[in-house]
């Protein structure tokens, strides 16, 4: 059997069908079994409307891996009254949703249904997932280097979605190769900002961003288009001093705080070259220390969980 990464979507559906005991279309009518037994707390009872593999039946009970208080790593969350295509396996006397299968709402199961109903595949069904991503998304490639020519120590490339002007969302990041070359995963079409940091010990670190001109410190934006690679990103890192922020968290009315549930989020202003992000938990007396903060305007927010 060829490696899964070389299989088309149609081939992956066939592989999934071959590996499971039961494939059916069903509508959940009852979640969590009887709501009392530990053995049935993740049991979903379906009204089966069409069975493609396994015994013909009008009602199927399947363990979903999702109960009233938690979810397993392979669990699937169903909703009562919604129609699903379900892939399941027998484990002893019970059925469980197959891990990493094509179980999905019926409206997202077009490819699998074409295979199961022996309908002709659409052209995109005969592409691999990588080919589909390549057609629908783009990548950013190039290199990062220090202005003094010294080898990178522990670099990270951050790619920020420019649709969020606050850059409050966590950035996607990658680590470049030893020579500084890097490539992103496939990114949805849109505009992105790229920054980099090379952490090191001592009073400085090295930061930089993609700029439209080599001598600019003004961040340039990269327009990612479907089916294309953006190969002109060259980031030069320059030395930047870092500082320590220290302080105390306390309640406004003097009452004690549950410091085991308190967290401080530190972020630089969006227009800074590199938005510093860190999460700090105060000590038992409320004191906190945020190391290696760059020059600029830092924003601190306190959260109590």
Protein backbone atom coordinates (compact mmCIF):
# COMPACT_ATOMS: atom_id res chain seq x y z
CA UNK A 1 0.00 0.00 0.00
CA UNK A 2 1.46 3.43 -0.91
CA UNK A 3 2.24 5.88 1.91
CA UNK A 4 -0.78 7.90 3.00
CA UNK A 5 0.86 11.19 1.98
CA UNK A 6 0.90 9.95 -1.65
CA UNK A 7 -2.77 8.95 -1.67
CA UNK A 8 -5.45 11.08 -3.30
CA UNK A 9 -8.45 12.16 -1.27
CA UNK A 10 -10.42 9.41 -3.02
CA UNK A 11 -7.70 6.91 -2.07
CA UNK A 12 -7.72 8.09 1.54
CA UNK A 13 -11.48 7.55 1.72
CA UNK A 14 -11.05 4.01 0.38
CA UNK A 15 -8.31 3.36 2.95
CA UNK A 16 -10.56 4.67 5.74
CA UNK A 17 -13.48 2.47 4.63
CA UNK A 18 -11.23 -0.61 4.47
CA UNK A 19 -9.99 -0.01 8.03
CA UNK A 20 -13.35 0.33 9.80
CA UNK A 21 -16.19 -2.06 10.62
CA UNK A 22 -19.15 0.23 10.12
CA UNK A 23 -19.92 3.21 7.89
CA UNK A 24 -23.36 4.84 8.01
CA UNK A 25 -25.33 8.07 7.76
CA UNK A 26 -27.13 8.81 10.99
CA UNK A 27 -28.83 11.42 13.13
CA UNK A 28 -28.02 11.52 16.87
CA UNK A 29 -31.15 11.16 18.99
CA UNK A 30 -29.53 10.70 22.42
CA UNK A 31 -26.18 11.81 23.86
CA UNK A 32 -24.37 10.48 26.94
CA UNK A 33 -26.36 7.24 27.25
CA UNK A 34 -28.60 7.25 30.29
CA UNK A 35 -26.57 10.04 31.91
CA UNK A 36 -25.81 7.88 34.94
CA UNK A 37 -23.45 5.07 34.02
CA UNK A 38 -19.72 5.75 33.61
CA UNK A 39 -19.64 3.13 30.84
CA UNK A 40 -22.15 5.02 28.71
CA UNK A 41 -21.38 8.66 29.48
CA UNK A 42 -19.96 9.16 25.95
CA UNK A 43 -22.51 6.93 24.18
CA UNK A 44 -24.39 8.44 21.23
CA UNK A 45 -27.51 6.73 19.89
CA UNK A 46 -28.10 7.32 16.17
CA UNK A 47 -31.06 6.80 13.93
CA UNK A 48 -29.30 5.24 10.92
CA UNK A 49 -30.74 6.31 7.57
CA UNK A 50 -28.21 4.64 5.25
CA UNK A 51 -25.58 1.95 5.97
CA UNK A 52 -22.66 1.48 3.56
CA UNK A 53 -20.62 -1.09 5.50
CA UNK A 54 -21.58 -3.35 8.41
CA UNK A 55 -24.90 -4.84 9.45
CA UNK A 56 -28.11 -3.21 8.28
CA UNK A 57 -29.76 -1.50 11.23
CA UNK A 58 -32.05 1.41 11.99
CA UNK A 59 -30.43 2.31 15.33
CA UNK A 60 -26.74 2.38 16.24
CA UNK A 61 -25.08 3.26 19.55
CA UNK A 62 -21.49 4.50 19.25
CA UNK A 63 -19.01 5.72 21.87
CA UNK A 64 -17.91 9.21 20.79
CA UNK A 65 -15.07 9.86 23.24
CA UNK A 66 -16.90 13.01 24.40
CA UNK A 67 -18.78 13.01 27.68
CA UNK A 68 -20.31 15.69 29.89
CA UNK A 69 -16.99 16.71 31.46
CA UNK A 70 -14.24 15.92 28.97
CA UNK A 71 -13.07 14.78 25.57
CA UNK A 72 -10.48 12.21 24.53
CA UNK A 73 -7.81 13.12 21.98
CA UNK A 74 -9.68 11.11 19.33
CA UNK A 75 -13.20 12.06 20.41
CA UNK A 76 -15.85 13.51 18.13
CA UNK A 77 -18.50 16.01 19.27
CA UNK A 78 -21.96 15.26 17.86
CA UNK A 79 -25.12 17.38 18.02
CA UNK A 80 -28.62 16.00 18.40
CA UNK A 81 -30.70 16.30 15.24
CA UNK A 82 -27.78 16.94 12.88
CA UNK A 83 -26.97 14.43 10.12
CA UNK A 84 -23.49 12.83 10.03
CA UNK A 85 -21.46 10.34 8.05
CA UNK A 86 -19.94 8.09 10.72
CA UNK A 87 -16.97 5.69 10.59
CA UNK A 88 -16.85 3.28 13.56
CA UNK A 89 -14.97 0.23 14.78
CA UNK A 90 -15.88 -2.68 17.04
CA UNK A 91 -13.97 -2.96 20.32
CA UNK A 92 -15.23 -6.06 22.08
CA UNK A 93 -18.96 -5.64 22.54
CA UNK A 94 -19.18 -1.95 21.73
CA UNK A 95 -18.64 0.46 18.83
CA UNK A 96 -16.44 3.55 18.92
CA UNK A 97 -15.93 6.38 16.44
CA UNK A 98 -12.85 5.60 14.35
CA UNK A 99 -9.91 7.89 15.13
CA UNK A 100 -8.80 10.34 12.42
CA UNK A 101 -11.45 9.07 10.01
CA UNK A 102 -13.82 10.84 7.63
CA UNK A 103 -16.54 11.15 10.28
CA UNK A 104 -18.11 14.54 9.59
CA UNK A 105 -21.39 16.43 9.12
CA UNK A 106 -23.08 15.25 5.95
CA UNK A 107 -22.61 18.63 4.24
CA UNK A 108 -18.81 18.21 4.57
CA UNK A 109 -18.75 14.62 3.30
CA UNK A 110 -19.21 15.07 -0.44
CA UNK A 111 -16.01 13.23 -1.46
CA UNK A 112 -16.62 10.28 0.86
CA UNK A 113 -20.24 9.98 -0.27
CA UNK A 114 -19.22 9.95 -3.93
CA UNK A 115 -16.89 7.04 -3.20
CA UNK A 116 -19.40 5.16 -1.03
CA UNK A 117 -22.19 5.57 -3.60
CA UNK A 118 -19.83 4.59 -6.44
CA UNK A 119 -20.32 7.90 -8.20
CA UNK A 120 -17.63 9.26 -10.59
CA UNK A 121 -15.01 11.29 -8.69
CA UNK A 122 -14.64 15.00 -9.27
CA UNK A 123 -11.21 16.11 -10.57
CA UNK A 124 -10.21 17.50 -7.16
CA UNK A 125 -11.02 14.12 -5.54
CA UNK A 126 -8.03 12.71 -7.43
CA UNK A 127 -5.57 15.16 -5.90
CA UNK A 128 -3.51 14.55 -2.76
CA UNK A 129 -4.18 16.77 0.29
CA UNK A 130 -0.84 18.51 -0.38
CA UNK A 131 -1.83 19.23 -3.97
CA UNK A 132 -5.15 20.65 -2.80
CA UNK A 133 -3.40 22.88 -0.28
CA UNK A 134 -0.92 23.93 -2.94
CA UNK A 135 -3.78 25.01 -5.20
CA UNK A 136 -5.76 26.78 -2.49
CA UNK A 137 -2.98 28.33 -0.38
CA UNK A 138 0.48 29.86 -0.62
CA UNK A 139 3.82 29.82 1.20
CA UNK A 140 6.48 32.28 2.34
CA UNK A 141 10.12 31.29 1.81
CA UNK A 142 13.55 32.87 2.09
CA UNK A 143 16.14 33.48 4.81
CA UNK A 144 17.01 35.30 8.02
CA UNK A 145 20.48 36.47 9.11
CA UNK A 146 22.24 38.61 11.70
CA UNK A 147 23.67 41.96 10.58
CA UNK A 148 27.05 41.11 12.17
CA UNK A 149 27.38 37.86 10.22
CA UNK A 150 27.48 35.68 13.34
CA UNK A 151 25.64 32.36 13.20
CA UNK A 152 22.11 32.29 14.56
CA UNK A 153 21.68 30.98 18.10
CA UNK A 154 17.99 30.12 18.65
CA UNK A 155 15.96 31.87 15.95
CA UNK A 156 12.21 31.90 15.39
CA UNK A 157 10.24 33.30 12.47
CA UNK A 158 6.82 34.70 13.41
CA UNK A 159 4.09 35.13 10.80
CA UNK A 160 1.25 37.43 11.86
CA UNK A 161 -2.13 37.57 10.16
CA UNK A 162 -2.54 41.22 9.22
CA UNK A 163 -6.34 40.92 9.30
CA UNK A 164 -5.96 41.32 13.07
CA UNK A 165 -4.48 44.81 13.37
CA UNK A 166 -3.84 44.36 17.10
CA UNK A 167 -1.72 41.24 16.48
CA UNK A 168 -3.34 39.94 19.64
CA UNK A 169 -3.74 36.48 18.20
CA UNK A 170 -0.91 34.04 18.71
CA UNK A 171 1.40 34.07 15.69
CA UNK A 172 2.28 31.02 13.69
CA UNK A 173 6.03 30.43 13.92
CA UNK A 174 8.78 28.22 12.50
CA UNK A 175 12.46 27.71 13.16
CA UNK A 176 14.84 28.30 10.25
CA UNK A 177 17.59 25.91 9.19
CA UNK A 178 21.18 26.47 10.33
CA UNK A 179 21.85 28.60 7.26
CA UNK A 180 18.83 30.79 8.09
CA UNK A 181 16.59 29.50 5.31
CA UNK A 182 12.94 28.89 6.17
CA UNK A 183 9.58 28.18 4.64
CA UNK A 184 6.12 28.54 6.11
CA UNK A 185 3.37 26.01 6.08
CA UNK A 186 0.64 26.63 3.54
CA UNK A 187 -1.13 29.89 4.42
CA UNK A 188 -4.61 31.00 3.44
CA UNK A 189 -4.63 33.87 0.92
CA UNK A 190 -4.23 37.18 2.71
CA UNK A 191 -1.74 39.74 3.98
CA UNK A 192 0.88 38.77 6.55
CA UNK A 193 3.57 40.50 8.59
CA UNK A 194 6.80 38.63 9.29
CA UNK A 195 9.11 39.24 12.24
CA UNK A 196 12.05 37.28 13.65
CA UNK A 197 13.96 37.04 16.89
CA UNK A 198 17.17 35.25 17.81
CA UNK A 199 17.33 34.90 21.58
CA UNK A 200 20.66 34.77 23.33
CA UNK A 201 22.03 35.20 26.81
CA UNK A 202 23.15 38.57 28.12
CA UNK A 203 21.78 42.11 27.83
CA UNK A 204 20.75 41.95 24.16
CA UNK A 205 18.87 39.93 21.63
CA UNK A 206 18.62 40.14 17.83
CA UNK A 207 15.35 41.10 16.17
CA UNK A 208 14.16 42.09 12.74
CA UNK A 209 11.24 42.14 10.37
CA UNK A 210 10.63 41.80 6.69
CA UNK A 211 10.97 45.29 5.24
CA UNK A 212 10.30 46.52 1.73
CA UNK A 213 13.82 47.97 1.59
CA UNK A 214 16.91 46.46 3.27
CA UNK A 215 17.65 49.55 5.40
CA UNK A 216 14.06 50.04 6.58
CA UNK A 217 12.82 49.11 10.03
CA UNK A 218 9.24 49.65 8.89
CA UNK A 219 7.51 46.28 8.61
CA UNK A 220 6.59 45.29 5.09
CA UNK A 221 3.55 43.18 4.37
CA UNK A 222 3.47 40.00 2.31
CA UNK A 223 0.45 39.28 0.13
CA UNK A 224 0.01 35.52 -0.03
CA UNK A 225 -1.93 34.23 -3.04
CA UNK A 226 -3.36 30.80 -3.72
CA UNK A 227 -1.01 28.48 -5.57
CA UNK A 228 2.03 30.74 -5.28
CA UNK A 229 5.20 30.92 -3.22
CA UNK A 230 6.48 34.28 -1.99
CA UNK A 231 10.28 33.88 -2.24
CA UNK A 232 11.59 37.42 -1.64
CA UNK A 233 11.55 37.61 2.15
CA UNK A 234 15.03 38.49 3.48
CA UNK A 235 15.13 39.40 7.18
CA UNK A 236 18.17 41.09 8.72
CA UNK A 237 18.39 40.92 12.52
CA UNK A 238 19.87 43.80 14.48
CA UNK A 239 20.99 43.99 18.09
CA UNK A 240 18.47 45.23 20.63
CA UNK A 241 18.86 45.80 24.36
CA UNK A 242 16.48 44.06 26.73
CA UNK A 243 15.26 45.02 30.19
CA UNK A 244 13.52 43.57 33.24
CA UNK A 245 10.03 44.62 34.36
CA UNK A 246 9.14 43.90 37.96
CA UNK A 247 6.04 44.72 39.96
CA UNK A 248 3.30 43.52 42.27
CA UNK A 249 -0.25 42.34 41.61
CA UNK A 250 -2.85 43.09 44.30
CA UNK A 251 -6.59 43.46 44.60
CA UNK A 252 -8.17 46.91 44.66
CA UNK A 253 -9.97 46.28 47.94
CA UNK A 254 -7.05 44.63 49.73
CA UNK A 255 -8.57 41.14 49.71
CA UNK A 256 -6.21 38.20 49.04
CA UNK A 257 -5.87 36.95 45.48
CA UNK A 258 -5.62 33.25 44.48
CA UNK A 259 -2.21 33.70 42.85
CA UNK A 260 -2.12 30.12 41.61
CA UNK A 261 -4.90 31.23 39.21
CA UNK A 262 -3.44 34.64 38.26
CA UNK A 263 -1.52 35.15 35.01
CA UNK A 264 0.02 38.25 33.43
CA UNK A 265 0.20 38.61 29.67
CA UNK A 266 2.92 40.93 28.42
CA UNK A 267 2.74 42.30 24.87
CA UNK A 268 4.43 45.08 22.98
CA UNK A 269 2.40 47.66 21.07
CA UNK A 270 1.34 46.44 17.60
CA UNK A 271 3.59 48.92 15.79
CA UNK A 272 6.76 47.61 17.49
CA UNK A 273 9.20 45.70 15.30
CA UNK A 274 8.70 42.55 17.30
CA UNK A 275 5.56 42.16 19.48
CA UNK A 276 7.03 40.58 22.60
CA UNK A 277 4.60 38.04 24.07
CA UNK A 278 4.96 36.23 27.37
CA UNK A 279 2.80 34.78 30.11
CA UNK A 280 3.99 35.22 33.70
CA UNK A 281 2.56 33.80 36.91
CA UNK A 282 3.15 35.97 40.01
CA UNK A 283 4.81 34.58 43.12
CA UNK A 284 2.76 33.77 46.21
CA UNK A 285 3.25 37.33 47.51
CA UNK A 286 2.04 38.89 44.23
CA UNK A 287 5.48 39.93 42.98
CA UNK A 288 6.25 39.26 39.32
CA UNK A 289 9.26 39.59 37.03
CA UNK A 290 9.18 39.81 33.23
CA UNK A 291 12.69 39.32 31.82
CA UNK A 292 14.15 40.26 28.43
CA UNK A 293 11.63 42.97 27.51
CA UNK A 294 12.75 45.12 24.54
CA UNK A 295 12.68 48.89 24.24
CA UNK A 296 9.18 50.15 23.47
CA UNK A 297 5.71 50.38 24.94
CA UNK A 298 4.72 47.23 26.82
CA UNK A 299 1.11 46.34 27.66
CA UNK A 300 0.41 44.20 30.73
CA UNK A 301 -2.94 42.45 31.32
CA UNK A 302 -3.83 40.37 34.34
CA UNK A 303 -6.14 37.36 34.10
CA UNK A 304 -7.74 35.38 36.92
CA UNK A 305 -8.99 31.92 35.97
